[in-house]
Protein backbone atom coordinates (compact mmCIF):
# COMPACT_ATOMS: atom_id res chain seq x y z
CA MET A 1 -19.57 19.57 -15.44
CA LEU A 2 -17.96 15.96 -17.69
CA GLU A 3 -15.30 16.61 -14.48
CA GLY A 4 -18.15 15.48 -11.88
CA ILE A 5 -19.44 12.59 -13.83
CA LEU A 6 -15.99 11.06 -14.85
CA GLY A 7 -14.11 11.76 -11.42
CA ASN A 8 -11.13 14.54 -10.76
CA ASN A 9 -8.08 12.83 -11.63
CA GLU A 10 -6.56 15.60 -9.16
CA ASN A 11 -7.68 13.46 -6.14
CA ILE A 12 -5.94 10.06 -7.50
CA ILE A 13 -2.25 9.17 -7.31
CA THR A 14 -1.24 7.17 -9.84
CA GLY A 15 2.17 5.65 -10.14
CA THR A 16 4.27 2.17 -11.02
CA THR A 17 6.76 0.26 -8.52
CA GLU A 18 9.95 -0.51 -9.12
CA SER A 19 8.54 -4.17 -10.26
CA GLY A 20 6.09 -2.69 -12.96
CA PHE A 21 2.86 -2.20 -10.62
CA ASN A 22 0.60 0.27 -11.84
CA TYR A 23 -1.27 1.87 -9.11
CA LYS A 24 -4.19 4.13 -8.58
CA ILE A 25 -4.91 5.49 -5.20
CA ASP A 26 -7.60 7.89 -3.87
CA LYS A 27 -5.84 10.91 -2.00
CA SER A 28 -8.46 10.64 0.24
CA ILE A 29 -7.69 7.51 1.39
CA LEU A 30 -4.80 8.49 2.64
CA ALA A 31 -6.25 10.59 5.89
CA ASP A 32 -8.91 8.26 6.69
CA TRP A 33 -8.19 7.96 10.38
CA ARG A 34 -7.85 3.76 9.87
CA ILE A 35 -4.69 4.57 7.35
CA VAL A 36 -3.75 7.08 9.98
CA LYS A 37 -3.92 4.56 12.94
CA LEU A 38 -2.30 1.68 10.74
CA TYR A 39 0.89 3.86 9.80
CA ALA A 40 1.48 5.10 13.58
CA GLU A 41 1.24 1.26 14.70
CA LEU A 42 4.31 0.79 11.73
CA GLN A 43 6.02 3.66 13.13
CA GLU A 44 6.04 1.81 16.50
CA LEU A 45 7.12 -1.35 14.81
CA SER A 46 10.14 0.38 12.48
CA ASP A 47 12.71 -1.53 14.90
CA VAL A 48 11.22 -4.58 13.88
CA GLY A 49 14.47 -7.50 14.21
CA ASP A 50 14.85 -10.63 12.60
CA ASP A 51 14.73 -12.41 16.46
CA ASP A 52 11.36 -10.70 17.02
CA GLY A 53 8.28 -12.89 15.85
CA GLU A 54 5.84 -11.07 17.38
CA ASP A 55 6.68 -8.07 16.36
CA ALA A 56 7.18 -9.28 13.14
CA LEU A 57 3.49 -10.80 13.05
CA LYS A 58 1.81 -7.24 13.86
CA PHE A 59 3.83 -6.01 10.99
CA ILE A 60 2.72 -8.28 8.29
CA GLY A 61 -1.15 -8.23 9.85
CA ILE A 62 -0.81 -4.31 9.42
CA MET A 63 0.60 -4.37 6.45
CA ALA A 64 -2.55 -6.73 5.15
CA LYS A 65 -5.06 -4.45 6.42
CA ILE A 66 -3.54 -1.34 4.46
CA GLU A 67 -3.06 -3.02 1.45
CA ALA A 68 -7.49 -3.97 1.74
CA LEU A 69 -7.57 0.24 2.55
CA LEU A 70 -5.64 1.18 -0.20
CA PHE A 71 -6.86 -0.51 -3.53
CA LYS A 72 -10.62 -0.70 -4.26
CA ASP A 73 -10.01 -4.44 -5.22
CA LYS A 74 -8.55 -5.34 -1.85
CA GLY A 75 -5.39 -5.95 -3.39
CA LYS A 76 -6.36 -8.53 -5.59
CA ALA A 77 -4.73 -7.15 -8.79
CA PHE A 78 -2.05 -6.04 -6.67
CA GLU A 79 -1.39 -9.66 -5.27
CA LYS A 80 -1.84 -11.23 -8.81
CA HIS A 81 1.13 -8.76 -9.43
CA ILE A 82 3.16 -10.43 -7.42
CA LEU A 83 2.24 -14.10 -8.21
CA LYS A 84 3.04 -13.19 -11.71
CA ASN A 85 6.32 -12.09 -11.21
CA ASN A 86 7.68 -14.69 -8.54
CA ASN A 87 6.94 -18.10 -9.78
CA GLY A 88 3.44 -18.39 -8.77
CA LEU A 89 3.87 -17.28 -4.99
CA VAL A 90 3.16 -13.96 -3.11
CA ALA A 91 6.34 -13.37 -1.52
CA PRO A 92 5.64 -11.44 1.70
CA VAL A 93 8.71 -9.38 1.68
CA VAL A 94 8.09 -8.77 -2.36
CA ALA A 95 4.77 -7.59 -0.86
CA MET A 96 5.83 -5.83 1.80
CA LYS A 97 8.59 -3.63 0.16
CA GLU A 98 6.35 -2.83 -2.73
CA LEU A 99 3.42 -1.80 -0.32
CA MET A 100 6.33 0.50 1.45
CA GLU A 101 7.31 1.65 -1.86
CA ILE A 102 3.58 2.70 -2.81
CA LEU A 103 2.96 4.48 0.62
CA LYS A 104 6.32 6.46 0.30
CA SER A 105 5.75 7.50 -2.95
CA SER A 106 1.83 8.24 -2.37
CA LYS A 107 2.71 9.83 1.01
CA GLU A 108 5.49 12.51 -0.93
CA SER A 109 2.40 12.91 -3.82
CA LYS A 110 0.39 14.10 -1.55
CA ASN A 111 2.81 16.55 0.08
CA SER A 112 3.86 18.23 -3.11
């Protein structure tokens, strides 16, 4: 009964990124149609090159949508962590690297 009130931790994926960001993600969000569609769009853009500005912008837009869906606070704590560790800037390369790390580890946790 207490588990029903407090929530079932089996449905939560927790982890820490390489830079030290601690995250909690509800497993069900990884199966949400919106995340699935965005992940499919990312796969289509996997060959984004440095000279392909339009695809790079699409990639960034997709990652921003994923960030907003993954975290209950829409990514505020995630961005605050990056700010603190990158001289007061949310460096796009860092944000995308961290999000990809979270997605990869979450996918592995979901499959195990």
